[in-house]
Structures are given as C-alpha cells and as structure tokens.
Amino acid sequence: MESRDVTSKKLKITSLVVVLLVVVVLLTSFSAIFLYKNHHLNFLGPLYYQVLPNDNPLLDIEDDNLALFYDVQEIEPEMAMQEEDLKSQESFLKWQDSAREKFREILGSKSNGEFDKSTLKMISKADVGDDVERFEISYESQDKIEIPCYLFLHKNREIERAGLLIIPGHGSIEQTAGIIRTDAGYFELDYNEGYQNGAAEFLAKEGFVTLTCENRGQGRLDRLSTHAIAANAVSIGRSYQGVILDDHMAEVSLLQSIKSVSDENIGVAGVSLGGEQALYLGAVDERVTATLSFGWVSSHKILVYPNIDIDWMVPNLISYFDQASIGALIAPRAAVFSNGAEEYKKGPGWFNSEMATETTNEVKKAYTLFDDSYVEYIEHPGSHTFDNKLAAKFFTEELKVE
C-alpha cells in the first residue's frame, strides 16, 4: 500500500513538472515571438513567420504574394535628384528649393519654427557636475500641447557655445538626459533604458548647450500612442513625422533664444526615430548647421518590408523621394550618417552599412558642387545606439564658436 502511495505521488510530481515545463516553453515561445515582432530579436525570423497566421500577405516571406512589395521596389520617385540637377550649383539649388517644399508638403509640416517664449516654464534645476546644470522645462507647441524638455546649460553663461538638439528615439527624455543610466545597447535586456546613452548630458559636458524634448506619443506624452497620433494625422493629410518635425523646428527656435547659444552653430542628432527626425529636420530647417543621424539611413524601399511601424510612414513618400534625395536637401551643410557595425547581429538589420554607404555616395554627388562641404557615412561600434564619442568629435569639428 505504501509503495502505491509513493508511486502515485511520483506520478503527480512528474505530471506537475511536465505541465510546468509546457507552460514555460509556451510562455517563452510567445514572448520570443512578441519580442521579434516588435523588432527586438531579429534572429527569430523563421520562428516568427512559421508560428504567426499568414493572413497578412506582407508578413509571408515564403509565398509568392508580395505584389505590393514589388510595386514599391519598381517605383521611380518623381522628385528624386537627377543627373541634370547636378550640372551646376544653380540647377541643384533650384531642384533643392522645390524638393524641400514638396517634402514638407507630403510630411504635412505646418510650422515655420514658431516659438512663444511666454509659454516657457521652469520646473526644476539640478547640478550634474562639470559646471553643467540640468533644467527641467516645458514649452507650449503651436497647437497648445505642453512639451517637456531638459535643457543643459553651463554655469558660465558669458561664453557663447554651439547649441545641440538631441531628439529621442522610441523612449523618453529621461534616457537622452542621462537620468536613466545603463550601458546596455538597444537589443540587450535593458534596452528600453539605454540605447540613447544619456547623449544630451554627455554632450553638454563636452562643451555644448544641449536641449532634448519629448516626442509626442513617447515618455510623458504617451497619453496617446505614436500609432494613434499617426492614424489621426494621416486622416487629415498629415503624418506623425510632420507633426513632431514642427515641434523640433520650434525647439531650434528655443535653442536660438538662449543668450549663450550661437545662432549660427546649431546641430541636431538622434538615434532610430530620433535619427529619422534628425535627417528630416536637417533637410527642412536651414538653421541647422550640422546633422548627425544614427540608426536610420539605409533605403526607404527596404524599410517598408516586413516590419514597418506606422509612425515611420509618410503618405506618398516613396512616390516622390528616395533617402539620398532627402539627404541631399541638407547640402552643403555638414552631415554624418552612422549605423552600428553590429546592426545585423543585435539590431533590426535594416540600418546596415552597405545600404547606408550606397545612399551616402548618392548624397555626396550634391556635395561635390560646393567647396568646404562635408558629408560622410561612418560605421560606429555596437548596434542600434547613439555613439556619444562620434557625436562629440563631429560637432566639435563642425560647430566652431570663436
């Protein structure tokens, strides 16, 4: 009898262990699929496509039902930079003016950088060392949204300095401001706290005045998600990118309003979503002297497949422009495009050196028309991250304040 009880107990324990193992395997599998679907575990591609239902043809990479994708690849953008636009400075600048106007139109950008100083609010102040102070502030956007920011100023306000706008990627200004600290890269366990690497604080300690402001749908402005904002924007002929671009143009005005900032030495930088916006702001706003885009430049045509995020989308963008043409809108002002050497291994893989080099080589054709102009692609160590040292070197060389 006792032997049967023991056997029964062993069977129950074994059954429980098996059930727990099955639960663990299922949870792990679905968590992995979720992470891959949201661009965090790129190596799980085959598993992702095998397990998820293939009701969306754009997600089925095995079947021959990608007609829309093929259509995208065959499109020749109407306003892309052409050889005839590169015959002279005059012909290029004529194309650039019309292309910039069209680019703003399809973005749905409505602002000219308006900034109302009376809406500025000072919330808190902290000493972050190296004679740098961090101010928590906010300003009111053109459409009356209170935008939170961190501004880094040097205690000696008499010295004129270059001003940098550091645009966050998907995340928050606590990350760009260095308040949330971690050494983790984008696809490490703590990526949500680290891939922006406290860039605004780091670059302030390198001698710049820096400003970093929340993107709508992110951080403290996440009452509506980026997807919800994008959907609303598209429904009225705008885009998420155009909406936040208008905010960033106002932030350039905010930077220029600071007494210790040189109006003619304004830089912009960001990674991922911030890298996209840095590229677009440099292209549209001629007050930006130097543009640094991390983790974005590659090819628009590859970015639509298969994991496009709605907040990237700009209606008709590919019908009118390729990335090289947008990059050429920055000319002859200084620009660096940079992706991580480990993008394929740890990052989404779209923002890799091969595509970025091809795009940059096309952009360089415009820069050859101008003396003392500079554009380059630089591969940085790591994956989908903001390289603080590269940024410090670039801005120190290009934003010279006497």
Protein backbone atom coordinates (compact mmCIF):
# COMPACT_ATOMS: atom_id res chain seq x y z
CA MET A 1 0.00 0.00 0.00
CA GLU A 2 2.77 2.38 0.95
CA SER A 3 4.57 1.55 -2.31
CA ARG A 4 1.47 2.51 -4.31
CA ASP A 5 1.20 5.84 -2.46
CA VAL A 6 4.82 6.61 -3.23
CA THR A 7 4.31 5.70 -6.89
CA SER A 8 1.18 7.84 -7.03
CA LYS A 9 3.00 10.80 -5.51
CA LYS A 10 5.85 10.41 -8.01
CA LEU A 11 3.38 10.37 -10.89
CA LYS A 12 1.68 13.51 -9.61
CA ILE A 13 5.01 15.28 -9.21
CA THR A 14 6.12 14.16 -12.66
CA SER A 15 2.84 15.34 -14.18
CA LEU A 16 3.15 18.70 -12.43
CA VAL A 17 6.72 19.12 -13.66
CA VAL A 18 5.67 18.30 -17.22
CA VAL A 19 2.80 20.78 -17.06
CA LEU A 20 5.12 23.48 -15.71
CA LEU A 21 7.67 22.79 -18.42
CA VAL A 22 4.99 23.05 -21.11
CA VAL A 23 3.79 26.35 -19.64
CA VAL A 24 7.35 27.68 -19.51
CA VAL A 25 8.03 26.63 -23.11
CA LEU A 26 4.80 28.22 -24.34
CA LEU A 27 5.40 31.46 -22.45
CA THR A 28 8.99 31.61 -23.65
CA SER A 29 7.95 30.94 -27.25
CA PHE A 30 5.20 33.54 -27.35
CA SER A 31 7.40 36.08 -25.54
CA ALA A 32 10.14 35.49 -28.09
CA ILE A 33 7.67 35.91 -30.95
CA PHE A 34 6.37 39.13 -29.40
CA LEU A 35 9.90 40.48 -29.00
CA TYR A 36 10.78 39.62 -32.58
CA LYS A 37 7.56 41.11 -33.89
CA ASN A 38 8.46 44.33 -32.09
CA HIS A 39 11.95 44.34 -33.59
CA HIS A 40 13.92 43.15 -30.55
CA LEU A 41 15.09 39.65 -31.51
CA ASN A 42 15.87 39.67 -35.20
CA PHE A 43 17.33 36.16 -35.30
CA LEU A 44 13.88 34.69 -34.55
CA GLY A 45 12.64 35.49 -38.06
CA PRO A 46 11.97 31.92 -39.19
CA LEU A 47 10.11 31.05 -35.96
CA TYR A 48 8.06 34.23 -36.20
CA TYR A 49 6.89 33.52 -39.72
CA GLN A 50 6.16 29.85 -39.05
CA VAL A 51 4.03 30.37 -35.95
CA LEU A 52 2.03 33.51 -36.76
CA PRO A 53 -1.03 33.13 -39.01
CA ASN A 54 -0.26 34.29 -42.55
CA ASP A 55 -3.40 36.33 -43.03
CA ASN A 56 -1.31 39.36 -43.98
CA PRO A 57 0.49 38.73 -47.28
CA LEU A 58 3.23 41.20 -46.42
CA LEU A 59 4.24 39.01 -43.48
CA ASP A 60 4.57 35.83 -45.53
CA ILE A 61 8.10 35.87 -46.89
CA GLU A 62 7.86 32.34 -48.27
CA ASP A 63 4.81 32.72 -50.51
CA ASP A 64 4.79 34.49 -53.84
CA ASN A 65 2.14 37.00 -52.83
CA LEU A 66 4.12 40.18 -52.34
CA ALA A 67 2.71 42.22 -55.20
CA LEU A 68 2.59 45.45 -53.16
CA PHE A 69 6.18 45.00 -52.05
CA TYR A 70 7.29 44.50 -55.66
CA ASP A 71 5.33 47.59 -56.71
CA VAL A 72 7.24 49.62 -54.14
CA GLN A 73 10.58 48.38 -55.47
CA GLU A 74 9.70 49.39 -59.03
CA ILE A 75 8.63 52.95 -58.24
CA GLU A 76 10.88 55.72 -59.55
CA PRO A 77 10.41 58.69 -57.20
CA GLU A 78 9.08 61.72 -59.07
CA MET A 79 11.24 64.32 -57.34
CA ALA A 80 14.40 62.32 -56.76
CA MET A 81 17.63 64.13 -57.53
CA GLN A 82 18.63 63.53 -61.17
CA GLU A 83 21.86 63.97 -63.15
CA GLU A 84 20.56 67.16 -64.76
CA ASP A 85 20.02 68.63 -61.27
CA LEU A 86 23.72 68.13 -60.59
CA LYS A 87 25.10 70.02 -63.59
CA SER A 88 25.73 73.17 -61.58
CA GLN A 89 25.14 74.80 -58.22
CA GLU A 90 22.35 76.84 -59.81
CA SER A 91 20.49 73.79 -61.16
CA PHE A 92 20.95 71.91 -57.91
CA LEU A 93 19.72 74.76 -55.71
CA LYS A 94 16.68 75.17 -57.96
CA TRP A 95 15.86 71.46 -57.52
CA GLN A 96 16.60 71.65 -53.80
CA ASP A 97 14.16 74.53 -53.22
CA SER A 98 11.28 72.80 -55.00
CA ALA A 99 12.10 69.41 -53.45
CA ARG A 100 12.26 70.84 -49.95
CA GLU A 101 8.86 72.50 -50.43
CA LYS A 102 7.36 69.23 -51.70
CA PHE A 103 8.95 67.23 -48.89
CA ARG A 104 7.37 69.49 -46.28
CA GLU A 105 4.05 69.24 -48.09
CA ILE A 106 3.91 65.42 -48.01
CA LEU A 107 5.12 65.38 -44.39
CA GLY A 108 2.20 67.63 -43.52
CA SER A 109 4.51 70.09 -41.78
CA LYS A 110 2.60 73.28 -40.93
CA SER A 111 5.09 75.28 -38.85
CA ASN A 112 7.82 77.75 -39.64
CA GLY A 113 9.52 77.25 -36.30
CA GLU A 114 7.20 79.47 -34.28
CA PHE A 115 8.05 79.52 -30.58
CA ASP A 116 6.23 81.56 -27.95
CA LYS A 117 8.72 82.47 -25.20
CA SER A 118 5.88 83.36 -22.85
CA THR A 119 4.87 79.68 -22.62
CA LEU A 120 8.24 78.56 -21.22
CA LYS A 121 8.02 77.04 -17.75
CA MET A 122 10.88 76.28 -15.38
CA ILE A 123 10.13 73.14 -13.34
CA SER A 124 13.36 72.11 -11.63
CA LYS A 125 17.12 72.53 -11.65
CA ALA A 126 19.96 70.13 -10.83
CA ASP A 127 23.75 70.30 -10.80
CA VAL A 128 25.08 67.39 -12.89
CA GLY A 129 28.79 68.15 -12.46
CA ASP A 130 31.50 69.60 -14.72
CA ASP A 131 29.96 73.06 -14.21
CA VAL A 132 26.83 71.94 -16.05
CA GLU A 133 23.27 72.44 -14.82
CA ARG A 134 20.22 70.50 -15.97
CA PHE A 135 16.94 72.43 -16.18
CA GLU A 136 13.62 70.65 -16.45
CA ILE A 137 11.43 72.93 -18.55
CA SER A 138 8.40 72.86 -20.83
CA TYR A 139 7.07 74.96 -23.68
CA GLU A 140 3.76 75.15 -25.50
CA SER A 141 3.66 73.91 -29.07
CA GLN A 142 1.91 75.73 -31.87
CA ASP A 143 -1.20 73.59 -31.28
CA LYS A 144 -1.12 74.19 -27.49
CA ILE A 145 0.49 70.93 -26.34
CA GLU A 146 2.84 71.29 -23.36
CA ILE A 147 6.12 69.66 -24.40
CA PRO A 148 8.51 68.55 -21.59
CA CYS A 149 12.23 69.13 -22.13
CA TYR A 150 15.60 69.04 -20.42
CA LEU A 151 17.99 71.91 -21.10
CA PHE A 152 21.68 71.67 -20.17
CA LEU A 153 23.47 74.96 -19.56
CA HIS A 154 26.95 75.82 -18.33
CA LYS A 155 27.24 77.89 -15.17
CA ASN A 156 29.32 80.41 -17.07
CA ARG A 157 26.68 81.91 -19.34
CA GLU A 158 29.05 84.55 -20.75
CA ILE A 159 30.74 82.13 -23.14
CA GLU A 160 28.94 81.68 -26.45
CA ARG A 161 28.53 77.99 -27.32
CA ALA A 162 27.10 75.82 -30.07
CA GLY A 163 23.60 74.50 -29.38
CA LEU A 164 22.56 70.89 -29.96
CA LEU A 165 19.04 69.49 -30.23
CA ILE A 166 19.13 65.83 -29.21
CA ILE A 167 15.99 64.11 -30.49
CA PRO A 168 14.99 60.93 -28.60
CA GLY A 169 14.32 57.68 -30.37
CA HIS A 170 11.48 55.48 -29.14
CA GLY A 171 11.86 56.10 -25.43
CA SER A 172 11.95 59.21 -23.27
CA ILE A 173 13.91 62.31 -22.44
CA GLU A 174 14.93 60.68 -19.15
CA GLN A 175 17.13 58.46 -21.34
CA THR A 176 18.61 61.20 -23.53
CA ALA A 177 19.12 63.36 -20.42
CA GLY A 178 21.08 60.63 -18.63
CA ILE A 179 18.64 60.37 -15.73
CA ILE A 180 18.04 56.71 -16.52
CA ARG A 181 21.52 55.24 -16.74
CA THR A 182 22.68 51.95 -18.20
CA ASP A 183 25.41 50.77 -20.51
CA ALA A 184 23.02 48.42 -22.29
CA GLY A 185 22.73 48.52 -26.05
CA TYR A 186 19.46 48.55 -27.97
CA PHE A 187 18.91 44.81 -28.03
CA GLU A 188 20.27 43.97 -24.61
CA LEU A 189 17.95 43.13 -21.72
CA ASP A 190 17.63 46.73 -20.54
CA TYR A 191 17.48 48.35 -23.96
CA ASN A 192 14.48 50.49 -23.02
CA GLU A 193 16.74 52.35 -20.61
CA GLY A 194 19.92 52.60 -22.55
CA TYR A 195 20.34 52.87 -26.29
CA GLN A 196 20.17 56.67 -26.18
CA ASN A 197 23.13 56.73 -23.80
CA GLY A 198 22.39 59.98 -21.97
CA ALA A 199 23.59 61.86 -25.05
CA ALA A 200 22.28 65.30 -24.04
CA GLU A 201 24.13 65.25 -20.72
CA PHE A 202 27.30 63.77 -22.24
CA LEU A 203 27.49 66.39 -25.00
CA ALA A 204 26.75 69.22 -22.56
CA LYS A 205 29.82 68.14 -20.58
CA GLU A 206 31.76 68.26 -23.84
CA GLY A 207 31.08 72.00 -24.04
CA PHE A 208 27.74 72.35 -25.86
CA VAL A 209 24.39 73.74 -24.78
CA THR A 210 22.01 70.83 -25.29
CA LEU A 211 18.24 70.52 -25.41
CA THR A 212 16.19 67.32 -25.55
CA CYS A 213 12.39 67.38 -25.76
CA GLU A 214 9.77 64.64 -25.64
CA ASN A 215 8.35 63.24 -28.85
CA ARG A 216 4.57 63.02 -28.86
CA GLY A 217 3.38 59.52 -28.05
CA GLN A 218 6.55 58.85 -26.04
CA GLY A 219 7.61 59.24 -22.42
CA ARG A 220 5.43 61.75 -20.58
CA LEU A 221 3.43 62.40 -23.74
CA ASP A 222 2.21 58.83 -24.12
CA ARG A 223 -1.42 59.55 -23.27
CA LEU A 224 -1.93 58.89 -26.97
CA SER A 225 0.38 56.33 -28.56
CA THR A 226 2.51 57.15 -31.58
CA HIS A 227 0.21 54.85 -33.57
CA ALA A 228 -2.89 56.77 -32.51
CA ILE A 229 -1.27 60.11 -33.32
CA ALA A 230 -0.07 58.78 -36.68
CA ALA A 231 -3.54 57.47 -37.56
CA ASN A 232 -5.15 60.80 -36.67
CA ALA A 233 -2.50 62.75 -38.59
CA VAL A 234 -2.88 60.65 -41.74
CA SER A 235 -6.66 61.08 -41.64
CA ILE A 236 -6.22 64.84 -42.12
CA GLY A 237 -3.44 64.69 -44.70
CA ARG A 238 -0.52 64.95 -42.31
CA SER A 239 1.92 62.41 -40.82
CA TYR A 240 3.34 61.64 -37.39
CA GLN A 241 6.73 62.64 -38.75
CA GLY A 242 5.41 66.01 -39.88
CA VAL A 243 3.70 66.70 -36.55
CA ILE A 244 6.80 66.10 -34.45
CA LEU A 245 9.01 67.82 -37.03
CA ASP A 246 7.05 71.01 -36.34
CA ASP A 247 7.80 70.59 -32.64
CA HIS A 248 11.51 70.17 -33.35
CA MET A 249 11.56 73.29 -35.53
CA ALA A 250 10.12 75.21 -32.57
CA GLU A 251 12.85 73.67 -30.39
CA VAL A 252 15.52 75.05 -32.72
CA SER A 253 13.96 78.46 -32.11
CA LEU A 254 14.03 77.77 -28.37
CA LEU A 255 17.75 76.96 -28.57
CA GLN A 256 18.46 80.12 -30.55
CA SER A 257 16.61 82.21 -27.98
CA ILE A 258 19.17 81.28 -25.30
CA LYS A 259 21.69 84.07 -24.75
CA SER A 260 24.74 81.79 -24.58
CA VAL A 261 23.90 79.89 -27.80
CA SER A 262 25.40 80.88 -31.13
CA ASP A 263 22.54 81.22 -33.63
CA GLU A 264 24.80 80.13 -36.47
CA ASN A 265 26.05 76.98 -34.75
CA ILE A 266 23.08 74.68 -34.27
CA GLY A 267 23.38 70.91 -34.51
CA VAL A 268 20.81 68.12 -34.41
CA ALA A 269 21.33 64.45 -33.58
CA GLY A 270 19.30 61.37 -32.70
CA VAL A 271 19.17 57.60 -32.99
CA SER A 272 16.45 55.44 -34.60
CA LEU A 273 13.23 57.51 -34.62
CA GLY A 274 15.47 60.37 -33.46
CA GLY A 275 17.84 59.64 -36.34
CA GLU A 276 14.95 59.79 -38.78
CA GLN A 277 13.84 63.13 -37.37
CA ALA A 278 17.41 64.46 -37.33
CA LEU A 279 17.64 63.68 -41.06
CA TYR A 280 14.29 65.31 -41.77
CA LEU A 281 14.97 68.38 -39.63
CA GLY A 282 18.36 68.90 -41.27
CA ALA A 283 16.70 68.59 -44.67
CA VAL A 284 13.89 71.06 -43.93
CA ASP A 285 15.33 73.61 -41.48
CA GLU A 286 18.26 75.56 -42.91
CA ARG A 287 19.08 77.00 -39.49
CA VAL A 288 20.59 73.59 -38.64
CA THR A 289 24.31 73.81 -39.35
CA ALA A 290 25.29 70.18 -38.71
CA THR A 291 23.17 66.99 -38.85
CA LEU A 292 24.03 63.63 -37.29
CA SER A 293 21.67 60.70 -37.90
CA PHE A 294 22.29 57.41 -36.08
CA GLY A 295 20.47 54.17 -36.85
CA TRP A 296 18.26 55.32 -39.68
CA VAL A 297 19.86 55.98 -43.05
CA SER A 298 19.56 52.99 -45.40
CA SER A 299 16.84 52.76 -48.07
CA HIS A 300 13.17 53.69 -47.89
CA LYS A 301 12.30 50.73 -50.06
CA ILE A 302 13.68 48.18 -47.61
CA LEU A 303 12.13 49.89 -44.58
CA VAL A 304 8.60 49.09 -45.74
CA TYR A 305 9.21 45.33 -45.51
CA PRO A 306 8.20 43.43 -43.49
CA ASN A 307 8.02 45.16 -40.10
CA ILE A 308 7.09 48.74 -40.90
CA ASP A 309 5.92 50.79 -37.96
CA ILE A 310 3.04 53.17 -38.72
CA ASP A 311 4.82 56.13 -37.13
CA TRP A 312 7.53 55.82 -39.82
CA MET A 313 5.00 56.15 -42.59
CA VAL A 314 4.67 59.31 -44.65
CA PRO A 315 1.94 59.04 -47.33
CA ASN A 316 3.40 59.11 -50.85
CA LEU A 317 6.96 59.50 -49.57
CA ILE A 318 8.37 56.75 -51.81
CA SER A 319 6.37 58.11 -54.76
CA TYR A 320 8.39 61.34 -54.55
CA PHE A 321 11.70 60.76 -52.76
CA ASP A 322 14.42 58.27 -52.02
CA GLN A 323 16.61 58.67 -48.93
CA ALA A 324 19.54 60.04 -50.92
CA SER A 325 17.38 62.90 -52.21
CA ILE A 326 16.29 63.78 -48.68
CA GLY A 327 19.92 63.67 -47.54
CA ALA A 328 20.83 65.99 -50.42
CA LEU A 329 18.41 68.60 -49.07
CA ILE A 330 20.95 69.16 -46.26
CA ALA A 331 23.74 70.16 -48.69
CA PRO A 332 26.07 71.97 -48.36
CA ARG A 333 25.68 71.93 -44.57
CA ALA A 334 27.67 69.28 -42.70
CA ALA A 335 26.12 65.84 -42.22
CA VAL A 336 27.17 62.43 -40.92
CA PHE A 337 25.09 59.27 -41.20
CA SER A 338 26.07 56.42 -38.90
CA ASN A 339 24.88 52.88 -38.18
CA GLY A 340 26.29 50.27 -35.85
CA ALA A 341 28.68 47.56 -37.02
CA GLU A 342 26.58 45.01 -35.11
CA GLU A 343 23.19 46.02 -36.54
CA TYR A 344 22.70 42.67 -38.29
CA LYS A 345 23.52 40.68 -35.17
CA LYS A 346 21.75 42.70 -32.48
CA GLY A 347 19.66 45.29 -34.27
CA PRO A 348 16.77 45.22 -36.69
CA GLY A 349 19.17 44.79 -39.60
CA TRP A 350 17.57 47.36 -41.87
CA PHE A 351 20.01 50.10 -40.91
CA ASN A 352 23.20 48.49 -42.12
CA SER A 353 26.42 49.83 -43.57
CA GLU A 354 26.01 48.50 -47.10
CA MET A 355 22.74 50.30 -47.81
CA ALA A 356 23.81 53.40 -45.88
CA THR A 357 27.06 53.63 -47.86
CA GLU A 358 25.17 53.42 -51.17
CA THR A 359 22.77 56.15 -50.06
CA THR A 360 25.58 58.39 -48.78
CA ASN A 361 27.52 58.02 -52.03
CA GLU A 362 24.48 59.36 -53.87
CA VAL A 363 24.21 62.27 -51.43
CA LYS A 364 27.91 63.07 -51.99
CA LYS A 365 27.18 63.90 -55.63
CA ALA A 366 25.38 67.04 -54.44
CA TYR A 367 28.16 67.97 -52.02
CA THR A 368 30.80 67.93 -54.77
CA LEU A 369 29.17 71.09 -56.13
CA PHE A 370 30.22 73.08 -53.07
CA ASP A 371 33.60 73.97 -51.58
CA ASP A 372 34.29 73.13 -47.93
CA SER A 373 31.20 70.95 -47.64
CA TYR A 374 31.19 67.68 -45.73
CA VAL A 375 29.03 64.57 -45.73
CA GLU A 376 30.13 61.10 -44.70
CA TYR A 377 28.93 57.68 -43.65
CA ILE A 378 30.73 56.38 -40.54
CA GLU A 379 30.16 52.93 -39.09
CA HIS A 380 30.32 53.04 -35.31
CA PRO A 381 30.92 50.20 -32.83
CA GLY A 382 27.95 48.39 -31.33
CA SER A 383 24.46 48.09 -32.69
CA HIS A 384 21.44 50.39 -32.70
CA THR A 385 22.86 53.03 -30.37
CA PHE A 386 23.83 56.69 -30.09
CA ASP A 387 27.64 56.94 -30.24
CA ASN A 388 28.49 59.81 -27.88
CA LYS A 389 32.16 59.99 -28.79
CA LEU A 390 31.49 60.15 -32.53
CA ALA A 391 28.92 62.89 -31.91
CA ALA A 392 31.34 64.93 -29.76
CA LYS A 393 34.06 64.70 -32.43
CA PHE A 394 31.74 65.63 -35.30
CA PHE A 395 30.10 68.60 -33.61
CA THR A 396 33.39 69.89 -32.19
CA GLU A 397 34.89 69.94 -35.69
CA GLU A 398 31.87 71.36 -37.50
CA LEU A 399 30.41 73.82 -34.98
CA LYS A 400 33.28 76.16 -34.30
CA VAL A 401 32.42 79.05 -31.98
CA GLU A 402 35.05 81.73 -31.53
